[in-house]
Amino acid sequence: MSGVPWDGPAWDDPELTRLAERLREAHRRVAPLPAADRRRLIRQLLAITDLAKRDADLAARRLDAFLSAREADFRSSPEAR
């Protein structure tokens, strides 16, 4: 392991960077949910993350659908209060 601090992704693609930021935020929003819900939703986010490796545009659309379908769950989480 090198002693050089990590300074972010090694790509210069604003769309991929935005997708990565949105996925991280989605994981943060899922974290405070009850365990059973959290596990199921994290599996879905991991599938979207895996898809992003092959098709970033489709992954972004699926993330949009995931977030809009879960908006009520996120609003009722303890973190949202």
PDB file of N, CA and C in Angstrom:
ATOM      1  N   MET A   1       0.842  -1.175   0.000  1.00  0.00           N
ATOM      2  CA  MET A   1       0.000   0.000   0.000  1.00  0.00           C
ATOM      3  C   MET A   1       0.885   1.235   0.000  1.00  0.00           C
ATOM      4  N   SER A   2       0.572   2.172  -0.888  1.00  0.00           N
ATOM      5  CA  SER A   2       1.412   3.360  -0.979  1.00  0.00           C
ATOM      6  C   SER A   2       1.019   4.380   0.086  1.00  0.00           C
ATOM      7  N   GLY A   3       1.910   5.279   0.360  1.00  0.00           N
ATOM      8  CA  GLY A   3       1.651   6.313   1.355  1.00  0.00           C
ATOM      9  C   GLY A   3       0.975   7.542   0.770  1.00  0.00           C
ATOM     10  N   VAL A   4       0.651   7.501  -0.517  1.00  0.00           N
ATOM     11  CA  VAL A   4       0.025   8.639  -1.178  1.00  0.00           C
ATOM     12  C   VAL A   4      -1.476   8.624  -0.874  1.00  0.00           C
ATOM     13  N   PRO A   5      -2.015   9.730  -0.378  1.00  0.00           N
ATOM     14  CA  PRO A   5      -3.460   9.770  -0.089  1.00  0.00           C
ATOM     15  C   PRO A   5      -4.274   9.692  -1.372  1.00  0.00           C
ATOM     16  N   TRP A   6      -5.436   9.068  -1.273  1.00  0.00           N
ATOM     17  CA  TRP A   6      -6.323   8.927  -2.428  1.00  0.00           C
ATOM     18  C   TRP A   6      -6.995  10.251  -2.690  1.00  0.00           C
ATOM     19  N   ASP A   7      -6.964  10.700  -3.917  1.00  0.00           N
ATOM     20  CA  ASP A   7      -7.559  11.995  -4.244  1.00  0.00           C
ATOM     21  C   ASP A   7      -8.762  11.881  -5.170  1.00  0.00           C
ATOM     22  N   GLY A   8      -9.456  10.775  -5.097  1.00  0.00           N
ATOM     23  CA  GLY A   8     -10.676  10.607  -5.879  1.00  0.00           C
ATOM     24  C   GLY A   8     -10.472   9.714  -7.079  1.00  0.00           C
ATOM     25  N   PRO A   9     -11.484   9.616  -7.907  1.00  0.00           N
ATOM     26  CA  PRO A   9     -11.423   8.716  -9.059  1.00  0.00           C
ATOM     27  C   PRO A   9     -10.390   9.165 -10.078  1.00  0.00           C
ATOM     28  N   ALA A  10      -9.908   8.204 -10.865  1.00  0.00           N
ATOM     29  CA  ALA A  10      -8.877   8.483 -11.852  1.00  0.00           C
ATOM     30  C   ALA A  10      -9.473   8.785 -13.226  1.00  0.00           C
ATOM     31  N   TRP A  11     -10.731   9.164 -13.285  1.00  0.00           N
ATOM     32  CA  TRP A  11     -11.333   9.517 -14.571  1.00  0.00           C
ATOM     33  C   TRP A  11     -11.696  10.996 -14.568  1.00  0.00           C
ATOM     34  N   ASP A  12     -11.887  11.517 -15.736  1.00  0.00           N
ATOM     35  CA  ASP A  12     -12.276  12.920 -15.869  1.00  0.00           C
ATOM     36  C   ASP A  12     -13.581  12.981 -16.648  1.00  0.00           C
ATOM     37  N   ASP A  13     -14.602  12.344 -16.099  1.00  0.00           N
ATOM     38  CA  ASP A  13     -15.914  12.304 -16.732  1.00  0.00           C
ATOM     39  C   ASP A  13     -16.935  12.826 -15.729  1.00  0.00           C
ATOM     40  N   PRO A  14     -17.423  14.027 -15.939  1.00  0.00           N
ATOM     41  CA  PRO A  14     -18.359  14.620 -14.968  1.00  0.00           C
ATOM     42  C   PRO A  14     -19.623  13.788 -14.764  1.00  0.00           C
ATOM     43  N   GLU A  15     -20.094  13.103 -15.812  1.00  0.00           N
ATOM     44  CA  GLU A  15     -21.299  12.292 -15.670  1.00  0.00           C
ATOM     45  C   GLU A  15     -21.052  11.095 -14.745  1.00  0.00           C
ATOM     46  N   LEU A  16     -19.905  10.439 -14.902  1.00  0.00           N
ATOM     47  CA  LEU A  16     -19.579   9.311 -14.019  1.00  0.00           C
ATOM     48  C   LEU A  16     -19.363   9.786 -12.592  1.00  0.00           C
ATOM     49  N   THR A  17     -18.730  10.928 -12.446  1.00  0.00           N
ATOM     50  CA  THR A  17     -18.512  11.482 -11.113  1.00  0.00           C
ATOM     51  C   THR A  17     -19.851  11.787 -10.445  1.00  0.00           C
ATOM     52  N   ARG A  18     -20.777  12.382 -11.180  1.00  0.00           N
ATOM     53  CA  ARG A  18     -22.101  12.694 -10.627  1.00  0.00           C
ATOM     54  C   ARG A  18     -22.852  11.422 -10.259  1.00  0.00           C
ATOM     55  N   LEU A  19     -22.766  10.390 -11.108  1.00  0.00           N
ATOM     56  CA  LEU A  19     -23.412   9.111 -10.810  1.00  0.00           C
ATOM     57  C   LEU A  19     -22.830   8.512  -9.533  1.00  0.00           C
ATOM     58  N   ALA A  20     -21.518   8.551  -9.390  1.00  0.00           N
ATOM     59  CA  ALA A  20     -20.874   8.018  -8.184  1.00  0.00           C
ATOM     60  C   ALA A  20     -21.330   8.783  -6.944  1.00  0.00           C
ATOM     61  N   GLU A  21     -21.419  10.101  -7.047  1.00  0.00           N
ATOM     62  CA  GLU A  21     -21.887  10.913  -5.911  1.00  0.00           C
ATOM     63  C   GLU A  21     -23.325  10.569  -5.545  1.00  0.00           C
ATOM     64  N   ARG A  22     -24.162  10.389  -6.554  1.00  0.00           N
ATOM     65  CA  ARG A  22     -25.573  10.055  -6.312  1.00  0.00           C
ATOM     66  C   ARG A  22     -25.708   8.668  -5.682  1.00  0.00           C
ATOM     67  N   LEU A  23     -24.883   7.718  -6.116  1.00  0.00           N
ATOM     68  CA  LEU A  23     -24.920   6.380  -5.507  1.00  0.00           C
ATOM     69  C   LEU A  23     -24.487   6.444  -4.040  1.00  0.00           C
ATOM     70  N   ARG A  24     -23.454   7.208  -3.754  1.00  0.00           N
ATOM     71  CA  ARG A  24     -23.015   7.369  -2.358  1.00  0.00           C
ATOM     72  C   ARG A  24     -24.116   7.991  -1.513  1.00  0.00           C
ATOM     73  N   GLU A  25     -24.785   9.003  -2.057  1.00  0.00           N
ATOM     74  CA  GLU A  25     -25.872   9.645  -1.320  1.00  0.00           C
ATOM     75  C   GLU A  25     -27.032   8.679  -1.103  1.00  0.00           C
ATOM     76  N   ALA A  26     -27.332   7.861  -2.094  1.00  0.00           N
ATOM     77  CA  ALA A  26     -28.402   6.864  -1.941  1.00  0.00           C
ATOM     78  C   ALA A  26     -28.056   5.876  -0.828  1.00  0.00           C
ATOM     79  N   HIS A  27     -26.806   5.461  -0.761  1.00  0.00           N
ATOM     80  CA  HIS A  27     -26.383   4.556   0.321  1.00  0.00           C
ATOM     81  C   HIS A  27     -26.526   5.242   1.676  1.00  0.00           C
ATOM     82  N   ARG A  28     -26.195   6.519   1.754  1.00  0.00           N
ATOM     83  CA  ARG A  28     -26.358   7.264   3.011  1.00  0.00           C
ATOM     84  C   ARG A  28     -27.823   7.336   3.426  1.00  0.00           C
ATOM     85  N   ARG A  29     -28.704   7.490   2.454  1.00  0.00           N
ATOM     86  CA  ARG A  29     -30.129   7.598   2.763  1.00  0.00           C
ATOM     87  C   ARG A  29     -30.723   6.256   3.175  1.00  0.00           C
ATOM     88  N   VAL A  30     -30.153   5.165   2.681  1.00  0.00           N
ATOM     89  CA  VAL A  30     -30.638   3.827   3.024  1.00  0.00           C
ATOM     90  C   VAL A  30     -30.140   3.412   4.411  1.00  0.00           C
ATOM     91  N   ALA A  31     -28.985   3.875   4.813  1.00  0.00           N
ATOM     92  CA  ALA A  31     -28.342   3.433   6.050  1.00  0.00           C
ATOM     93  C   ALA A  31     -29.220   3.507   7.301  1.00  0.00           C
ATOM     94  N   PRO A  32     -30.010   4.556   7.521  1.00  0.00           N
ATOM     95  CA  PRO A  32     -30.785   4.616   8.773  1.00  0.00           C
ATOM     96  C   PRO A  32     -32.089   3.802   8.750  1.00  0.00           C
ATOM     97  N   LEU A  33     -32.419   3.179   7.642  1.00  0.00           N
ATOM     98  CA  LEU A  33     -33.662   2.404   7.559  1.00  0.00           C
ATOM     99  C   LEU A  33     -33.559   1.125   8.378  1.00  0.00           C
ATOM    100  N   PRO A  34     -34.684   0.496   8.715  1.00  0.00           N
ATOM    101  CA  PRO A  34     -34.658  -0.776   9.455  1.00  0.00           C
ATOM    102  C   PRO A  34     -33.846  -1.837   8.704  1.00  0.00           C
ATOM    103  N   ALA A  35     -33.251  -2.759   9.440  1.00  0.00           N
ATOM    104  CA  ALA A  35     -32.299  -3.720   8.876  1.00  0.00           C
ATOM    105  C   ALA A  35     -32.847  -4.507   7.691  1.00  0.00           C
ATOM    106  N   ALA A  36     -34.056  -5.026   7.802  1.00  0.00           N
ATOM    107  CA  ALA A  36     -34.605  -5.839   6.709  1.00  0.00           C
ATOM    108  C   ALA A  36     -34.749  -5.007   5.439  1.00  0.00           C
ATOM    109  N   ASP A  37     -35.277  -3.810   5.579  1.00  0.00           N
ATOM    110  CA  ASP A  37     -35.415  -2.921   4.415  1.00  0.00           C
ATOM    111  C   ASP A  37     -34.055  -2.518   3.882  1.00  0.00           C
ATOM    112  N   ARG A  38     -33.148  -2.194   4.790  1.00  0.00           N
ATOM    113  CA  ARG A  38     -31.811  -1.745   4.399  1.00  0.00           C
ATOM    114  C   ARG A  38     -31.099  -2.802   3.566  1.00  0.00           C
ATOM    115  N   ARG A  39     -31.139  -4.060   4.007  1.00  0.00           N
ATOM    116  CA  ARG A  39     -30.459  -5.129   3.257  1.00  0.00           C
ATOM    117  C   ARG A  39     -31.014  -5.254   1.843  1.00  0.00           C
ATOM    118  N   ARG A  40     -32.324  -5.232   1.715  1.00  0.00           N
ATOM    119  CA  ARG A  40     -32.965  -5.365   0.407  1.00  0.00           C
ATOM    120  C   ARG A  40     -32.592  -4.186  -0.494  1.00  0.00           C
ATOM    121  N   LEU A  41     -32.644  -2.982   0.045  1.00  0.00           N
ATOM    122  CA  LEU A  41     -32.348  -1.802  -0.754  1.00  0.00           C
ATOM    123  C   LEU A  41     -30.867  -1.712  -1.118  1.00  0.00           C
ATOM    124  N   ILE A  42     -30.003  -2.124  -0.222  1.00  0.00           N
ATOM    125  CA  ILE A  42     -28.570  -2.112  -0.538  1.00  0.00           C
ATOM    126  C   ILE A  42     -28.269  -3.096  -1.665  1.00  0.00           C
ATOM    127  N   ARG A  43     -28.937  -4.250  -1.666  1.00  0.00           N
ATOM    128  CA  ARG A  43     -28.746  -5.195  -2.784  1.00  0.00           C
ATOM    129  C   ARG A  43     -29.146  -4.536  -4.100  1.00  0.00           C
ATOM    130  N   GLN A  44     -30.235  -3.788  -4.097  1.00  0.00           N
ATOM    131  CA  GLN A  44     -30.663  -3.096  -5.319  1.00  0.00           C
ATOM    132  C   GLN A  44     -29.641  -2.039  -5.736  1.00  0.00           C
ATOM    133  N   LEU A  45     -29.115  -1.300  -4.756  1.00  0.00           N
ATOM    134  CA  LEU A  45     -28.098  -0.297  -5.079  1.00  0.00           C
ATOM    135  C   LEU A  45     -26.821  -0.941  -5.612  1.00  0.00           C
ATOM    136  N   LEU A  46     -26.453  -2.085  -5.069  1.00  0.00           N
ATOM    137  CA  LEU A  46     -25.263  -2.774  -5.570  1.00  0.00           C
ATOM    138  C   LEU A  46     -25.462  -3.250  -7.001  1.00  0.00           C
ATOM    139  N   ALA A  47     -26.686  -3.670  -7.338  1.00  0.00           N
ATOM    140  CA  ALA A  47     -26.977  -4.065  -8.721  1.00  0.00           C
ATOM    141  C   ALA A  47     -26.852  -2.855  -9.651  1.00  0.00           C
ATOM    142  N   ILE A  48     -27.320  -1.696  -9.203  1.00  0.00           N
ATOM    143  CA  ILE A  48     -27.200  -0.473 -10.002  1.00  0.00           C
ATOM    144  C   ILE A  48     -25.728  -0.095 -10.147  1.00  0.00           C
ATOM    145  N   THR A  49     -24.968  -0.226  -9.074  1.00  0.00           N
ATOM    146  CA  THR A  49     -23.540   0.074  -9.114  1.00  0.00           C
ATOM    147  C   THR A  49     -22.827  -0.842 -10.102  1.00  0.00           C
ATOM    148  N   ASP A  50     -23.164  -2.117 -10.077  1.00  0.00           N
ATOM    149  CA  ASP A  50     -22.553  -3.063 -11.007  1.00  0.00           C
ATOM    150  C   ASP A  50     -22.921  -2.711 -12.445  1.00  0.00           C
ATOM    151  N   LEU A  51     -24.165  -2.339 -12.677  1.00  0.00           N
ATOM    152  CA  LEU A  51     -24.601  -1.935 -14.011  1.00  0.00           C
ATOM    153  C   LEU A  51     -23.825  -0.714 -14.493  1.00  0.00           C
ATOM    154  N   ALA A  52     -23.511   0.191 -13.589  1.00  0.00           N
ATOM    155  CA  ALA A  52     -22.790   1.418 -13.960  1.00  0.00           C
ATOM    156  C   ALA A  52     -21.430   1.118 -14.579  1.00  0.00           C
ATOM    157  N   LYS A  53     -20.857  -0.019 -14.256  1.00  0.00           N
ATOM    158  CA  LYS A  53     -19.561  -0.394 -14.840  1.00  0.00           C
ATOM    159  C   LYS A  53     -19.690  -0.642 -16.337  1.00  0.00           C
ATOM    160  N   ARG A  54     -20.873  -1.048 -16.788  1.00  0.00           N
ATOM    161  CA  ARG A  54     -21.083  -1.386 -18.190  1.00  0.00           C
ATOM    162  C   ARG A  54     -21.906  -0.347 -18.946  1.00  0.00           C
ATOM    163  N   ASP A  55     -22.878   0.265 -18.271  1.00  0.00           N
ATOM    164  CA  ASP A  55     -23.794   1.187 -18.947  1.00  0.00           C
ATOM    165  C   ASP A  55     -24.208   2.277 -17.958  1.00  0.00           C
ATOM    166  N   ALA A  56     -23.440   3.345 -17.936  1.00  0.00           N
ATOM    167  CA  ALA A  56     -23.669   4.422 -16.962  1.00  0.00           C
ATOM    168  C   ALA A  56     -25.013   5.117 -17.180  1.00  0.00           C
ATOM    169  N   ASP A  57     -25.424   5.275 -18.430  1.00  0.00           N
ATOM    170  CA  ASP A  57     -26.700   5.950 -18.692  1.00  0.00           C
ATOM    171  C   ASP A  57     -27.875   5.143 -18.145  1.00  0.00           C
ATOM    172  N   LEU A  58     -27.870   3.840 -18.389  1.00  0.00           N
ATOM    173  CA  LEU A  58     -28.939   2.989 -17.874  1.00  0.00           C
ATOM    174  C   LEU A  58     -28.902   2.951 -16.351  1.00  0.00           C
ATOM    175  N   ALA A  59     -27.714   2.906 -15.776  1.00  0.00           N
ATOM    176  CA  ALA A  59     -27.589   2.910 -14.312  1.00  0.00           C
ATOM    177  C   ALA A  59     -28.159   4.202 -13.728  1.00  0.00           C
ATOM    178  N   ALA A  60     -27.911   5.325 -14.382  1.00  0.00           N
ATOM    179  CA  ALA A  60     -28.444   6.602 -13.902  1.00  0.00           C
ATOM    180  C   ALA A  60     -29.973   6.598 -13.950  1.00  0.00           C
ATOM    181  N   ARG A  61     -30.540   6.052 -15.014  1.00  0.00           N
ATOM    182  CA  ARG A  61     -32.003   5.977 -15.105  1.00  0.00           C
ATOM    183  C   ARG A  61     -32.567   5.051 -14.031  1.00  0.00           C
ATOM    184  N   ARG A  62     -31.903   3.931 -13.791  1.00  0.00           N
ATOM    185  CA  ARG A  62     -32.379   3.010 -12.750  1.00  0.00           C
ATOM    186  C   ARG A  62     -32.245   3.637 -11.368  1.00  0.00           C
ATOM    187  N   LEU A  63     -31.192   4.394 -11.139  1.00  0.00           N
ATOM    188  CA  LEU A  63     -31.040   5.078  -9.860  1.00  0.00           C
ATOM    189  C   LEU A  63     -32.144   6.117  -9.677  1.00  0.00           C
ATOM    190  N   ASP A  64     -32.472   6.843 -10.739  1.00  0.00           N
ATOM    191  CA  ASP A  64     -33.589   7.797 -10.668  1.00  0.00           C
ATOM    192  C   ASP A  64     -34.877   7.087 -10.259  1.00  0.00           C
ATOM    193  N   ALA A  65     -35.152   5.950 -10.893  1.00  0.00           N
ATOM    194  CA  ALA A  65     -36.368   5.186 -10.588  1.00  0.00           C
ATOM    195  C   ALA A  65     -36.332   4.671  -9.153  1.00  0.00           C
ATOM    196  N   PHE A  66     -35.176   4.186  -8.727  1.00  0.00           N
ATOM    197  CA  PHE A  66     -35.011   3.684  -7.356  1.00  0.00           C
ATOM    198  C   PHE A  66     -35.307   4.799  -6.357  1.00  0.00           C
ATOM    199  N   LEU A  67     -34.717   5.963  -6.561  1.00  0.00           N
ATOM    200  CA  LEU A  67     -34.887   7.072  -5.619  1.00  0.00           C
ATOM    201  C   LEU A  67     -36.325   7.586  -5.593  1.00  0.00           C
ATOM    202  N   SER A  68     -36.950   7.696  -6.751  1.00  0.00           N
ATOM    203  CA  SER A  68     -38.323   8.199  -6.761  1.00  0.00           C
ATOM    204  C   SER A  68     -39.288   7.194  -6.144  1.00  0.00           C
ATOM    205  N   ALA A  69     -39.033   5.907  -6.324  1.00  0.00           N
ATOM    206  CA  ALA A  69     -39.902   4.883  -5.733  1.00  0.00           C
ATOM    207  C   ALA A  69     -39.727   4.796  -4.222  1.00  0.00           C
ATOM    208  N   ARG A  70     -38.596   5.234  -3.706  1.00  0.00           N
ATOM    209  CA  ARG A  70     -38.298   5.112  -2.274  1.00  0.00           C
ATOM    210  C   ARG A  70     -38.400   6.420  -1.527  1.00  0.00           C
ATOM    211  N   GLU A  71     -38.861   7.464  -2.167  1.00  0.00           N
ATOM    212  CA  GLU A  71     -38.896   8.785  -1.522  1.00  0.00           C
ATOM    213  C   GLU A  71     -39.669   8.763  -0.207  1.00  0.00           C
ATOM    214  N   ALA A  72     -40.781   8.059  -0.148  1.00  0.00           N
ATOM    215  CA  ALA A  72     -41.560   7.990   1.100  1.00  0.00           C
ATOM    216  C   ALA A  72     -40.776   7.285   2.197  1.00  0.00           C
ATOM    217  N   ASP A  73     -40.034   6.230   1.847  1.00  0.00           N
ATOM    218  CA  ASP A  73     -39.206   5.535   2.841  1.00  0.00           C
ATOM    219  C   ASP A  73     -38.160   6.476   3.423  1.00  0.00           C
ATOM    220  N   PHE A  74     -37.552   7.279   2.550  1.00  0.00           N
ATOM    221  CA  PHE A  74     -36.510   8.171   3.019  1.00  0.00           C
ATOM    222  C   PHE A  74     -37.074   9.295   3.879  1.00  0.00           C
ATOM    223  N   ARG A  75     -38.249   9.783   3.528  1.00  0.00           N
ATOM    224  CA  ARG A  75     -38.856  10.851   4.330  1.00  0.00           C
ATOM    225  C   ARG A  75     -39.228  10.381   5.723  1.00  0.00           C
ATOM    226  N   SER A  76     -39.576   9.097   5.864  1.00  0.00           N
ATOM    227  CA  SER A  76     -40.003   8.588   7.170  1.00  0.00           C
ATOM    228  C   SER A  76     -38.824   8.054   8.005  1.00  0.00           C
ATOM    229  N   SER A  77     -37.621   8.071   7.457  1.00  0.00           N
ATOM    230  CA  SER A  77     -36.474   7.564   8.216  1.00  0.00           C
ATOM    231  C   SER A  77     -36.113   8.551   9.320  1.00  0.00           C
ATOM    232  N   PRO A  78     -35.479   8.058  10.407  1.00  0.00           N
ATOM    233  CA  PRO A  78     -35.100   8.940  11.515  1.00  0.00           C
ATOM    234  C   PRO A  78     -34.173  10.074  11.080  1.00  0.00           C
ATOM    235  N   GLU A  79     -33.324   9.839  10.071  1.00  0.00           N
ATOM    236  CA  GLU A  79     -32.389  10.848   9.623  1.00  0.00           C
ATOM    237  C   GLU A  79     -33.119  12.037   8.992  1.00  0.00           C
ATOM    238  N   ALA A  80     -34.284  11.773   8.392  1.00  0.00           N
ATOM    239  CA  ALA A  80     -35.032  12.827   7.701  1.00  0.00           C
ATOM    240  C   ALA A  80     -35.733  13.762   8.684  1.00  0.00           C
ATOM    241  N   ARG A  81     -35.864  13.365   9.908  1.00  0.00           N
ATOM    242  CA  ARG A  81     -36.590  14.188  10.910  1.00  0.00           C
ATOM    243  C   ARG A  81     -35.727  15.245  11.511  1.00  0.00           C
TER     244      ARG A  81
END
